[in-house]
Amino acid sequence: MLFDTIGHMKDLLLIDKPKGISSFDVIRRLRRKLGVRKMGHAGTLDPLASGLLIVGIGEGTKKLKDIIGQDKVYEAEIVLGEKRTTGDMEGEIVEEKEVNAIDEKEVQNALQSMKGSLILRIPAYSAIRRGGVPLYKKARRGESVAPPPRVMEIKSVEMHFVEQKEKRAHVFVTLKVSSGTYIRSLAEEFGKRLNFPATLGNLRRTQVGNFSVEDAEKITL
């Protein structure tokens, strides 16, 4: 609910962001609905991702800095057999390899081998700024982008199942990761460990710290 039991507006809102809009689109809609300008969120979700977005309102924006650094849980679909410019299904395919059959035990072993700290490059299509400009803007303009490396940590990983479809293997997993971890980067690294190009299919954030998407409100498109 947007309001607490005595009618005052909450200073933190849990929003279940739908796929297809940006995190800032959510802020814009809430500003119009609530008539409040001072608003922010704890951790961006890409337009192609859905799930938990924590929004601070008024004094609640001061709480966001403590929330941003907390661990996050994602449900992810990783597509083996293709690599894309953006690291997800929005981009153009730049590498392909047929996946006719794959050993689920090898998949499981590759996932488990990634637990712990990894040094990976962030995606070229990310909001990290270089020279005051987000990398994704440089990449979309066709400029050469050299994404910096970052320490990313997988705290736990669970494989649910593997689905063979149209010469691709779709691996469905749940990941608990440290703040600042890019699931698109993890997807590509996972593919490398299996000797396949890989990209992120679908992504849903289900938890940030102790906050759960089960307690979030939905926003309609």
Protein backbone atom coordinates (compact mmCIF):
# COMPACT_ATOMS: atom_id res chain seq x y z
CA MET A 1 0.00 0.00 0.00
CA LEU A 2 1.14 3.55 -0.72
CA PHE A 3 -0.09 4.68 2.69
CA ASP A 4 0.28 3.28 6.18
CA THR A 5 -2.58 2.39 8.49
CA ILE A 6 -2.99 5.93 9.86
CA GLY A 7 -3.10 7.52 6.43
CA HIS A 8 0.40 8.95 6.16
CA MET A 9 2.39 8.37 3.01
CA LYS A 10 5.15 5.79 3.41
CA ASP A 11 8.71 6.99 2.87
CA LEU A 12 9.76 3.67 1.27
CA LEU A 13 7.70 1.94 -1.40
CA LEU A 14 8.24 -1.57 -2.73
CA ILE A 15 7.34 -1.67 -6.42
CA ASP A 16 7.12 -4.73 -8.67
CA LYS A 17 8.46 -3.16 -11.86
CA PRO A 18 7.09 -4.76 -15.03
CA LYS A 19 9.23 -5.65 -18.01
CA GLY A 20 9.31 -2.97 -20.70
CA ILE A 21 9.79 0.24 -18.73
CA SER A 22 12.85 1.77 -17.09
CA SER A 23 13.36 2.34 -13.38
CA PHE A 24 13.10 6.09 -13.99
CA ASP A 25 9.77 5.53 -15.78
CA VAL A 26 8.51 4.14 -12.46
CA ILE A 27 9.71 7.27 -10.66
CA ARG A 28 7.97 9.53 -13.21
CA ARG A 29 4.67 7.68 -12.79
CA LEU A 30 4.85 7.79 -9.01
CA ARG A 31 5.64 11.51 -9.06
CA ARG A 32 2.50 12.15 -11.11
CA LYS A 33 0.38 9.88 -8.94
CA LEU A 34 1.58 11.15 -5.56
CA GLY A 35 2.45 14.75 -6.41
CA VAL A 36 5.90 14.40 -4.82
CA ARG A 37 9.13 15.51 -6.51
CA LYS A 38 11.76 14.27 -4.04
CA MET A 39 12.04 10.62 -4.97
CA GLY A 40 14.72 8.05 -5.84
CA HIS A 41 15.33 4.32 -6.03
CA ALA A 42 17.80 1.79 -4.62
CA GLY A 43 19.38 -0.02 -7.56
CA THR A 44 18.44 0.29 -11.22
CA LEU A 45 16.57 -2.46 -13.07
CA ASP A 46 17.05 -2.57 -16.84
CA PRO A 47 13.91 -2.11 -18.98
CA LEU A 48 14.01 -5.81 -19.95
CA ALA A 49 14.13 -6.87 -16.28
CA SER A 50 11.21 -7.06 -13.87
CA GLY A 51 10.86 -7.28 -10.14
CA LEU A 52 11.63 -5.45 -6.93
CA LEU A 53 12.42 -1.75 -7.09
CA ILE A 54 12.69 0.08 -3.77
CA VAL A 55 11.62 3.70 -4.02
CA GLY A 56 12.38 6.36 -1.43
CA ILE A 57 9.99 9.30 -1.02
CA GLY A 58 10.91 12.56 0.73
CA GLU A 59 12.95 11.72 3.82
CA GLY A 60 12.95 8.10 2.67
CA THR A 61 15.55 8.95 0.03
CA LYS A 62 18.11 9.16 2.88
CA LYS A 63 17.56 5.45 3.59
CA LEU A 64 18.42 4.39 0.05
CA LYS A 65 22.20 4.57 0.50
CA ASP A 66 22.03 1.82 3.12
CA ILE A 67 19.74 -0.35 0.98
CA ILE A 68 21.72 -0.09 -2.27
CA GLY A 69 24.69 -1.98 -0.80
CA GLN A 70 22.66 -4.99 0.33
CA ASP A 71 22.70 -8.41 -1.35
CA LYS A 72 20.18 -9.10 -4.09
CA VAL A 73 18.40 -12.22 -5.35
CA TYR A 74 17.52 -12.74 -9.01
CA GLU A 75 15.69 -15.35 -11.05
CA ALA A 76 17.48 -15.54 -14.39
CA GLU A 77 17.17 -17.29 -17.73
CA ILE A 78 20.55 -17.69 -19.44
CA VAL A 79 20.55 -18.51 -23.14
CA LEU A 80 23.47 -20.65 -24.32
CA GLY A 81 24.32 -20.50 -28.01
CA GLU A 82 24.42 -16.79 -28.76
CA LYS A 83 26.14 -13.60 -27.61
CA ARG A 84 24.59 -10.17 -28.12
CA THR A 85 25.96 -6.64 -28.14
CA THR A 86 24.01 -5.60 -25.04
CA GLY A 87 24.41 -8.84 -23.09
CA ASP A 88 20.64 -9.37 -23.22
CA MET A 89 17.91 -9.96 -25.81
CA GLU A 90 17.73 -6.28 -26.79
CA GLY A 91 21.01 -6.36 -28.72
CA GLU A 92 22.16 -7.80 -32.02
CA ILE A 93 23.68 -11.27 -32.20
CA VAL A 94 27.47 -11.08 -32.60
CA GLU A 95 28.35 -14.75 -32.05
CA GLU A 96 26.44 -18.02 -32.47
CA LYS A 97 27.03 -21.70 -31.80
CA GLU A 98 24.45 -24.48 -32.00
CA VAL A 99 23.60 -26.25 -28.78
CA ASN A 100 22.14 -29.60 -29.82
CA ALA A 101 22.59 -31.33 -26.47
CA ILE A 102 24.12 -30.42 -23.16
CA ASP A 103 24.94 -32.39 -20.03
CA GLU A 104 23.01 -30.94 -17.09
CA LYS A 105 25.74 -32.12 -14.72
CA GLU A 106 28.27 -30.02 -16.64
CA VAL A 107 25.89 -27.07 -16.44
CA GLN A 108 25.53 -27.54 -12.71
CA ASN A 109 29.29 -27.85 -12.23
CA ALA A 110 29.92 -24.66 -14.24
CA LEU A 111 27.41 -22.74 -12.13
CA GLN A 112 28.83 -23.96 -8.85
CA SER A 113 32.38 -23.13 -9.99
CA MET A 114 31.34 -19.47 -10.21
CA LYS A 115 30.44 -19.15 -6.53
CA GLY A 116 32.58 -16.62 -4.74
CA SER A 117 34.31 -13.48 -6.00
CA LEU A 118 34.92 -12.95 -9.71
CA ILE A 119 36.62 -10.10 -11.54
CA LEU A 120 34.51 -9.44 -14.64
CA ARG A 121 33.99 -6.53 -16.98
CA ILE A 122 30.74 -4.68 -16.61
CA PRO A 123 28.52 -4.66 -19.73
CA ALA A 124 29.29 -2.05 -22.38
CA TYR A 125 25.59 -1.15 -22.28
CA SER A 126 25.50 -0.04 -18.66
CA ALA A 127 24.85 3.19 -16.77
CA ILE A 128 28.42 3.44 -15.48
CA ARG A 129 29.75 6.87 -16.47
CA ARG A 130 33.00 7.66 -18.25
CA GLY A 131 33.76 11.32 -18.80
CA GLY A 132 30.35 12.12 -17.34
CA VAL A 133 28.53 10.07 -20.00
CA PRO A 134 26.86 6.66 -19.39
CA LEU A 135 28.60 3.85 -21.28
CA TYR A 136 25.37 2.78 -22.95
CA LYS A 137 25.06 6.20 -24.62
CA LYS A 138 28.60 5.94 -25.97
CA ALA A 139 27.95 2.39 -27.21
CA ARG A 140 24.70 3.38 -28.94
CA ARG A 141 26.52 6.22 -30.69
CA GLY A 142 28.99 3.66 -32.05
CA GLU A 143 31.89 4.92 -29.96
CA SER A 144 34.55 2.52 -28.78
CA VAL A 145 33.78 1.45 -25.22
CA ALA A 146 36.21 -0.30 -22.87
CA PRO A 147 34.10 -1.38 -19.87
CA PRO A 148 36.07 -1.45 -16.62
CA PRO A 149 36.44 -4.65 -14.58
CA ARG A 150 34.70 -5.03 -11.25
CA VAL A 151 34.66 -7.54 -8.41
CA MET A 152 31.32 -9.36 -8.48
CA GLU A 153 30.30 -12.02 -5.99
CA ILE A 154 27.88 -14.92 -6.21
CA LYS A 155 26.80 -15.84 -2.68
CA SER A 156 24.65 -18.80 -3.77
CA VAL A 157 23.27 -20.28 -6.98
CA GLU A 158 20.54 -22.82 -7.64
CA MET A 159 19.82 -24.41 -11.03
CA HIS A 160 16.15 -25.21 -11.63
CA PHE A 161 16.13 -26.80 -15.09
CA VAL A 162 17.56 -26.69 -18.63
CA GLU A 163 15.32 -26.41 -21.68
CA GLN A 164 16.49 -27.19 -25.23
CA LYS A 165 14.84 -24.90 -27.76
CA GLU A 166 15.70 -23.91 -31.36
CA LYS A 167 19.37 -24.95 -31.18
CA ARG A 168 19.77 -23.10 -27.89
CA ALA A 169 19.88 -24.21 -24.26
CA HIS A 170 17.95 -22.10 -21.79
CA VAL A 171 19.21 -22.43 -18.22
CA PHE A 172 16.94 -21.25 -15.41
CA VAL A 173 18.65 -20.30 -12.16
CA THR A 174 18.29 -18.33 -8.93
CA LEU A 175 21.29 -16.25 -7.88
CA LYS A 176 22.08 -14.42 -4.69
CA VAL A 177 24.74 -11.80 -5.44
CA SER A 178 26.56 -8.87 -3.91
CA SER A 179 25.61 -5.30 -4.72
CA GLY A 180 27.12 -4.07 -7.98
CA THR A 181 27.00 -7.47 -9.67
CA TYR A 182 25.81 -7.50 -13.28
CA ILE A 183 23.87 -10.65 -14.17
CA ARG A 184 24.61 -10.02 -17.87
CA SER A 185 28.32 -10.32 -17.08
CA LEU A 186 27.73 -13.51 -15.10
CA ALA A 187 25.73 -14.99 -17.97
CA GLU A 188 28.56 -14.45 -20.44
CA GLU A 189 31.14 -15.87 -18.02
CA PHE A 190 28.92 -18.91 -17.45
CA GLY A 191 28.82 -19.50 -21.20
CA LYS A 192 32.61 -19.27 -21.46
CA ARG A 193 32.97 -22.00 -18.85
CA LEU A 194 30.84 -24.27 -21.02
CA ASN A 195 32.53 -23.17 -24.26
CA PHE A 196 29.39 -21.50 -25.60
CA PRO A 197 28.50 -17.88 -26.27
CA ALA A 198 25.77 -16.79 -23.87
CA THR A 199 23.40 -13.96 -23.18
CA LEU A 200 20.77 -13.09 -20.60
CA GLY A 201 17.24 -14.06 -21.60
CA ASN A 202 14.93 -12.94 -18.81
CA LEU A 203 15.68 -11.44 -15.41
CA ARG A 204 13.56 -10.84 -12.33
CA ARG A 205 14.76 -9.38 -9.03
CA THR A 206 12.95 -11.01 -6.14
CA GLN A 207 14.80 -9.70 -3.11
CA VAL A 208 16.97 -6.80 -1.89
CA GLY A 209 18.34 -7.41 1.60
CA ASN A 210 15.29 -8.41 3.65
CA PHE A 211 12.83 -6.75 1.25
CA SER A 212 10.84 -9.15 -0.94
CA VAL A 213 8.96 -8.66 -4.20
CA GLU A 214 6.08 -10.61 -2.60
CA ASP A 215 5.36 -7.49 -0.56
CA ALA A 216 5.57 -5.10 -3.54
CA GLU A 217 2.88 -3.24 -5.41
CA LYS A 218 2.46 -3.70 -9.14
CA ILE A 219 2.59 -0.84 -11.62
CA THR A 220 0.61 -1.28 -14.82
CA LEU A 221 2.01 -0.33 -18.23
